[in-house]
Amino acid sequence: MAHTILTTAEAAEVLRVPVGTLRYWRHQGTGPKSFKLGAKRVAYMREDVEAWLRAQYEAGDCE
């Protein structure tokens, strides 16, 4: 099974939030799971971003 790796900018686009928001969520530990590629590059698995988004939807109290 092939996994799609997203950059921070690509993950932010999927979530429709600014890159700064995604970085803040990562700093707070509240955003989708991320990992380091090399010393500095942060990446996301598309599956993790979609799972996090689904969990947010299911836990949401807004209708």
N, C-alpha and C. Protein backbone atom coordinates (compact mmCIF):
# COMPACT_ATOMS: atom_id res chain seq x y z
N MET A 1 0.85 -1.17 0.00
CA MET A 1 0.00 0.00 0.00
C MET A 1 0.89 1.24 0.00
N ALA A 2 0.65 2.12 -0.92
CA ALA A 2 1.43 3.36 -1.02
C ALA A 2 0.87 4.42 -0.08
N HIS A 3 1.77 5.09 0.59
CA HIS A 3 1.38 6.16 1.50
C HIS A 3 1.74 7.49 0.85
N THR A 4 0.89 8.47 1.04
CA THR A 4 1.15 9.79 0.51
C THR A 4 1.71 10.66 1.62
N ILE A 5 2.88 11.21 1.39
CA ILE A 5 3.52 12.10 2.35
C ILE A 5 3.20 13.53 1.94
N LEU A 6 2.75 14.33 2.90
CA LEU A 6 2.42 15.73 2.66
C LEU A 6 3.41 16.65 3.36
N THR A 7 3.73 17.75 2.71
CA THR A 7 4.50 18.79 3.37
C THR A 7 3.57 19.54 4.31
N THR A 8 4.14 20.42 5.11
CA THR A 8 3.30 21.23 6.00
C THR A 8 2.33 22.08 5.18
N ALA A 9 2.80 22.66 4.10
CA ALA A 9 1.92 23.49 3.25
C ALA A 9 0.81 22.65 2.63
N GLU A 10 1.11 21.44 2.20
CA GLU A 10 0.09 20.58 1.60
C GLU A 10 -0.93 20.13 2.64
N ALA A 11 -0.47 19.79 3.84
CA ALA A 11 -1.39 19.40 4.91
C ALA A 11 -2.30 20.57 5.28
N ALA A 12 -1.73 21.77 5.35
CA ALA A 12 -2.53 22.95 5.67
C ALA A 12 -3.58 23.18 4.58
N GLU A 13 -3.23 22.93 3.34
CA GLU A 13 -4.19 23.09 2.24
C GLU A 13 -5.33 22.08 2.36
N VAL A 14 -5.00 20.84 2.69
CA VAL A 14 -6.03 19.81 2.87
C VAL A 14 -6.99 20.23 3.99
N LEU A 15 -6.44 20.77 5.07
CA LEU A 15 -7.24 21.17 6.22
C LEU A 15 -7.88 22.55 6.06
N ARG A 16 -7.44 23.27 5.03
CA ARG A 16 -7.94 24.62 4.75
C ARG A 16 -7.69 25.57 5.91
N VAL A 17 -6.46 25.50 6.43
CA VAL A 17 -6.02 26.41 7.48
C VAL A 17 -4.68 27.00 7.07
N PRO A 18 -4.32 28.16 7.61
CA PRO A 18 -3.00 28.71 7.33
C PRO A 18 -1.89 27.80 7.86
N VAL A 19 -0.74 27.84 7.22
CA VAL A 19 0.41 27.05 7.66
C VAL A 19 0.74 27.38 9.11
N GLY A 20 0.65 28.64 9.49
CA GLY A 20 0.93 29.05 10.87
C GLY A 20 0.03 28.36 11.88
N THR A 21 -1.22 28.16 11.52
CA THR A 21 -2.16 27.46 12.41
C THR A 21 -1.73 26.01 12.59
N LEU A 22 -1.35 25.36 11.50
CA LEU A 22 -0.91 23.98 11.58
C LEU A 22 0.36 23.87 12.42
N ARG A 23 1.28 24.82 12.26
CA ARG A 23 2.49 24.82 13.10
C ARG A 23 2.15 25.02 14.58
N TYR A 24 1.20 25.90 14.86
CA TYR A 24 0.77 26.14 16.24
C TYR A 24 0.15 24.87 16.83
N TRP A 25 -0.71 24.22 16.06
CA TRP A 25 -1.31 22.97 16.53
C TRP A 25 -0.24 21.94 16.84
N ARG A 26 0.79 21.85 15.97
CA ARG A 26 1.87 20.89 16.19
C ARG A 26 2.60 21.23 17.49
N HIS A 27 2.87 22.52 17.70
CA HIS A 27 3.54 22.97 18.92
C HIS A 27 2.70 22.63 20.16
N GLN A 28 1.40 22.79 20.05
CA GLN A 28 0.49 22.51 21.16
C GLN A 28 0.21 21.01 21.34
N GLY A 29 0.53 20.21 20.31
CA GLY A 29 0.24 18.78 20.36
C GLY A 29 -1.21 18.45 20.10
N THR A 30 -1.92 19.35 19.41
CA THR A 30 -3.35 19.15 19.17
C THR A 30 -3.70 18.86 17.72
N GLY A 31 -2.75 18.97 16.83
CA GLY A 31 -3.01 18.77 15.41
C GLY A 31 -2.80 17.33 14.98
N PRO A 32 -2.87 17.11 13.67
CA PRO A 32 -2.63 15.76 13.16
C PRO A 32 -1.20 15.31 13.42
N LYS A 33 -1.01 14.01 13.49
CA LYS A 33 0.30 13.42 13.73
C LYS A 33 1.27 13.85 12.63
N SER A 34 2.46 14.27 13.04
CA SER A 34 3.50 14.67 12.09
C SER A 34 4.78 13.92 12.44
N PHE A 35 5.77 14.01 11.56
CA PHE A 35 7.05 13.38 11.81
C PHE A 35 8.14 14.15 11.09
N LYS A 36 9.37 13.94 11.50
CA LYS A 36 10.52 14.63 10.90
C LYS A 36 11.09 13.78 9.77
N LEU A 37 11.40 14.45 8.68
CA LEU A 37 12.16 13.86 7.59
C LEU A 37 13.50 14.57 7.61
N GLY A 38 14.52 13.87 8.02
CA GLY A 38 15.81 14.51 8.17
C GLY A 38 15.83 15.37 9.42
N ALA A 39 16.72 16.35 9.44
CA ALA A 39 16.92 17.16 10.63
C ALA A 39 15.83 18.22 10.84
N LYS A 40 15.28 18.76 9.76
CA LYS A 40 14.39 19.91 9.90
C LYS A 40 13.03 19.77 9.25
N ARG A 41 12.91 18.95 8.25
CA ARG A 41 11.67 18.89 7.47
C ARG A 41 10.57 18.14 8.22
N VAL A 42 9.42 18.77 8.36
CA VAL A 42 8.26 18.16 8.99
C VAL A 42 7.33 17.66 7.90
N ALA A 43 6.78 16.47 8.09
CA ALA A 43 5.89 15.89 7.10
C ALA A 43 4.69 15.25 7.79
N TYR A 44 3.68 14.98 6.99
CA TYR A 44 2.44 14.37 7.47
C TYR A 44 2.06 13.24 6.52
N MET A 45 1.50 12.19 7.05
CA MET A 45 0.92 11.15 6.21
C MET A 45 -0.52 11.59 5.92
N ARG A 46 -0.91 11.50 4.66
CA ARG A 46 -2.28 11.91 4.29
C ARG A 46 -3.31 11.17 5.14
N GLU A 47 -3.08 9.90 5.40
CA GLU A 47 -4.02 9.11 6.19
C GLU A 47 -4.18 9.68 7.59
N ASP A 48 -3.07 10.15 8.18
CA ASP A 48 -3.14 10.73 9.53
C ASP A 48 -3.91 12.05 9.53
N VAL A 49 -3.69 12.86 8.50
CA VAL A 49 -4.41 14.14 8.39
C VAL A 49 -5.90 13.88 8.25
N GLU A 50 -6.27 12.93 7.38
CA GLU A 50 -7.69 12.62 7.16
C GLU A 50 -8.32 12.01 8.41
N ALA A 51 -7.58 11.15 9.12
CA ALA A 51 -8.10 10.55 10.35
C ALA A 51 -8.32 11.62 11.42
N TRP A 52 -7.37 12.55 11.53
CA TRP A 52 -7.51 13.63 12.52
C TRP A 52 -8.72 14.50 12.18
N LEU A 53 -8.89 14.81 10.91
CA LEU A 53 -10.02 15.62 10.48
C LEU A 53 -11.34 14.90 10.77
N ARG A 54 -11.40 13.61 10.51
CA ARG A 54 -12.60 12.82 10.79
C ARG A 54 -12.90 12.82 12.29
N ALA A 55 -11.86 12.68 13.11
CA ALA A 55 -12.04 12.68 14.56
C ALA A 55 -12.57 14.03 15.04
N GLN A 56 -12.09 15.11 14.44
CA GLN A 56 -12.58 16.44 14.80
C GLN A 56 -14.05 16.58 14.46
N TYR A 57 -14.43 16.05 13.31
CA TYR A 57 -15.82 16.10 12.88
C TYR A 57 -16.72 15.30 13.83
N GLU A 58 -16.26 14.10 14.17
CA GLU A 58 -17.06 13.23 15.03
C GLU A 58 -17.17 13.76 16.45
N ALA A 59 -16.16 14.47 16.92
CA ALA A 59 -16.17 15.02 18.27
C ALA A 59 -16.82 16.39 18.33
N GLY A 60 -17.12 16.97 17.18
CA GLY A 60 -17.64 18.33 17.11
C GLY A 60 -18.98 18.50 17.78
N ASP A 61 -19.17 19.67 18.36
CA ASP A 61 -20.45 19.97 19.01
C ASP A 61 -21.19 21.07 18.26
N CYS A 62 -20.72 21.44 17.08
CA CYS A 62 -21.41 22.43 16.27
C CYS A 62 -22.23 21.73 15.21
N GLU A 63 -23.37 22.25 14.94
CA GLU A 63 -24.21 21.66 13.88
C GLU A 63 -24.71 22.71 12.95
